[in-house]
Amino acid sequence: MPSSASRLGRRPDPSTRQVWQQRLERLRNSGLTVSAFCDREGISPASFYAWRRRLQGDPAPNTADVARLVPVRLVTPSAGAPVELVLPSGLVLRLPPDTDLAWLRQLLPLFGVEPC
């Protein structure tokens, strides 16, 4: 399911972004072709080109601009009505009222939501 979240505009983990930025820099300094570099790094050329496109067109967020708090509006649901969580990416999760909170804590990081 993480792949559907990434199609919805989820930002990659900053450490993953940094790994790919370093990888792109290594290619620039290597003198290798993309194909040879990908073979050496053990990555697919498709992943390489996707990350290069992502990093060229999507600058890394400034940590000072990243919100630490998000607005929460609690509404008392009617009996049996699903609970909706709107994630920062815009993804909406509809969950039954009796959703196991431990399971939800495991699920949210898959969508890029950091624990409080």
Protein backbone atom coordinates (compact mmCIF):
# COMPACT_ATOMS: atom_id res chain seq x y z
CA MET A 1 0.00 0.00 0.00
CA PRO A 2 2.86 2.53 0.39
CA SER A 3 3.07 2.79 -3.38
CA SER A 4 -0.46 4.21 -3.55
CA ALA A 5 0.48 6.75 -0.89
CA SER A 6 3.47 7.85 -2.94
CA ARG A 7 1.20 8.38 -5.94
CA LEU A 8 -0.85 10.69 -3.72
CA GLY A 9 2.08 13.05 -3.25
CA ARG A 10 3.60 11.74 -0.06
CA ARG A 11 7.07 13.17 0.50
CA PRO A 12 9.84 10.63 0.92
CA ASP A 13 11.66 10.22 4.20
CA PRO A 14 14.38 12.91 4.46
CA SER A 15 17.05 10.27 5.08
CA THR A 16 16.05 8.46 1.86
CA ARG A 17 16.15 11.78 0.02
CA GLN A 18 19.67 12.39 1.37
CA VAL A 19 20.85 8.91 0.29
CA TRP A 20 19.65 9.60 -3.26
CA GLN A 21 21.17 13.08 -3.33
CA GLN A 22 24.51 11.57 -2.31
CA ARG A 23 24.07 8.86 -4.93
CA LEU A 24 23.48 11.45 -7.67
CA GLU A 25 26.60 13.29 -6.56
CA ARG A 26 28.63 10.05 -6.70
CA LEU A 27 27.46 9.50 -10.27
CA ARG A 28 28.56 13.02 -11.25
CA ASN A 29 32.02 12.33 -9.81
CA SER A 30 32.32 8.75 -11.08
CA GLY A 31 32.69 9.25 -14.81
CA LEU A 32 30.48 6.17 -15.29
CA THR A 33 27.42 5.84 -17.50
CA VAL A 34 24.09 5.67 -15.69
CA SER A 35 23.81 1.99 -16.56
CA ALA A 36 27.28 1.14 -15.22
CA PHE A 37 26.73 3.24 -12.11
CA CYS A 38 23.38 1.56 -11.38
CA ASP A 39 24.99 -1.87 -11.76
CA ARG A 40 27.72 -0.87 -9.31
CA GLU A 41 25.19 0.55 -6.81
CA GLY A 42 22.79 -2.38 -7.17
CA ILE A 43 19.85 -0.20 -8.21
CA SER A 44 17.64 -0.21 -11.27
CA PRO A 45 18.03 2.51 -13.88
CA ALA A 46 14.27 3.15 -13.58
CA SER A 47 14.66 3.94 -9.87
CA PHE A 48 17.65 6.12 -10.63
CA TYR A 49 15.80 8.19 -13.23
CA ALA A 50 12.68 8.46 -11.05
CA TRP A 51 14.70 9.78 -8.11
CA ARG A 52 16.69 12.14 -10.30
CA ARG A 53 13.44 13.57 -11.67
CA ARG A 54 11.96 13.83 -8.18
CA LEU A 55 14.97 15.59 -6.72
CA GLN A 56 15.36 18.02 -9.64
CA GLY A 57 11.72 19.10 -9.58
CA ASP A 58 10.97 18.90 -5.87
CA PRO A 59 13.41 20.77 -3.62
CA ALA A 60 13.93 19.40 -0.13
CA PRO A 61 11.69 21.11 2.41
CA ASN A 62 13.32 23.56 4.77
CA THR A 63 13.02 22.06 8.24
CA ALA A 64 12.06 25.50 9.58
CA ASP A 65 9.01 25.42 7.27
CA VAL A 66 7.81 21.98 8.36
CA ALA A 67 4.81 22.18 10.68
CA ARG A 68 5.27 20.40 13.97
CA LEU A 69 1.57 20.52 14.84
CA VAL A 70 -1.39 19.74 12.65
CA PRO A 71 -4.96 20.95 13.14
CA VAL A 72 -7.31 18.39 14.61
CA ARG A 73 -11.06 18.69 14.65
CA LEU A 74 -12.88 16.09 16.72
CA VAL A 75 -16.47 15.39 15.85
CA THR A 76 -18.53 12.87 17.77
CA PRO A 77 -19.45 10.25 15.17
CA SER A 78 -22.87 8.70 15.07
CA ALA A 79 -23.02 5.10 16.24
CA GLY A 80 -21.25 2.78 13.81
CA ALA A 81 -20.10 5.60 11.52
CA PRO A 82 -16.51 5.29 10.25
CA VAL A 83 -13.87 7.61 11.65
CA GLU A 84 -12.04 9.61 8.98
CA LEU A 85 -8.40 10.60 9.30
CA VAL A 86 -7.17 13.14 6.77
CA LEU A 87 -3.39 12.75 6.54
CA PRO A 88 -1.03 15.62 5.65
CA SER A 89 -0.66 14.12 2.16
CA GLY A 90 -4.41 14.51 1.61
CA LEU A 91 -5.02 10.78 1.88
CA VAL A 92 -8.23 9.98 3.76
CA LEU A 93 -8.44 6.85 5.90
CA ARG A 94 -11.92 5.64 6.85
CA LEU A 95 -11.76 3.35 9.85
CA PRO A 96 -14.41 1.59 11.89
CA PRO A 97 -14.91 3.12 15.36
CA ASP A 98 -13.50 -0.01 17.03
CA THR A 99 -10.17 0.11 15.12
CA ASP A 100 -7.29 -1.34 17.13
CA LEU A 101 -5.04 1.61 18.07
CA ALA A 102 -1.89 -0.55 18.11
CA TRP A 103 -2.60 -1.55 14.51
CA LEU A 104 -3.22 2.09 13.56
CA ARG A 105 0.14 3.08 15.12
CA GLN A 106 1.81 0.51 12.85
CA LEU A 107 -0.15 1.64 9.79
CA LEU A 108 0.42 5.41 9.93
CA PRO A 109 4.21 5.35 9.39
CA LEU A 110 3.57 3.51 6.10
CA PHE A 111 1.88 6.71 4.94
CA GLY A 112 4.67 8.97 6.16
CA VAL A 113 2.96 10.06 9.37
CA GLU A 114 5.42 10.38 12.22
CA PRO A 115 4.26 9.41 15.72
CA CYS A 116 3.56 12.21 18.17
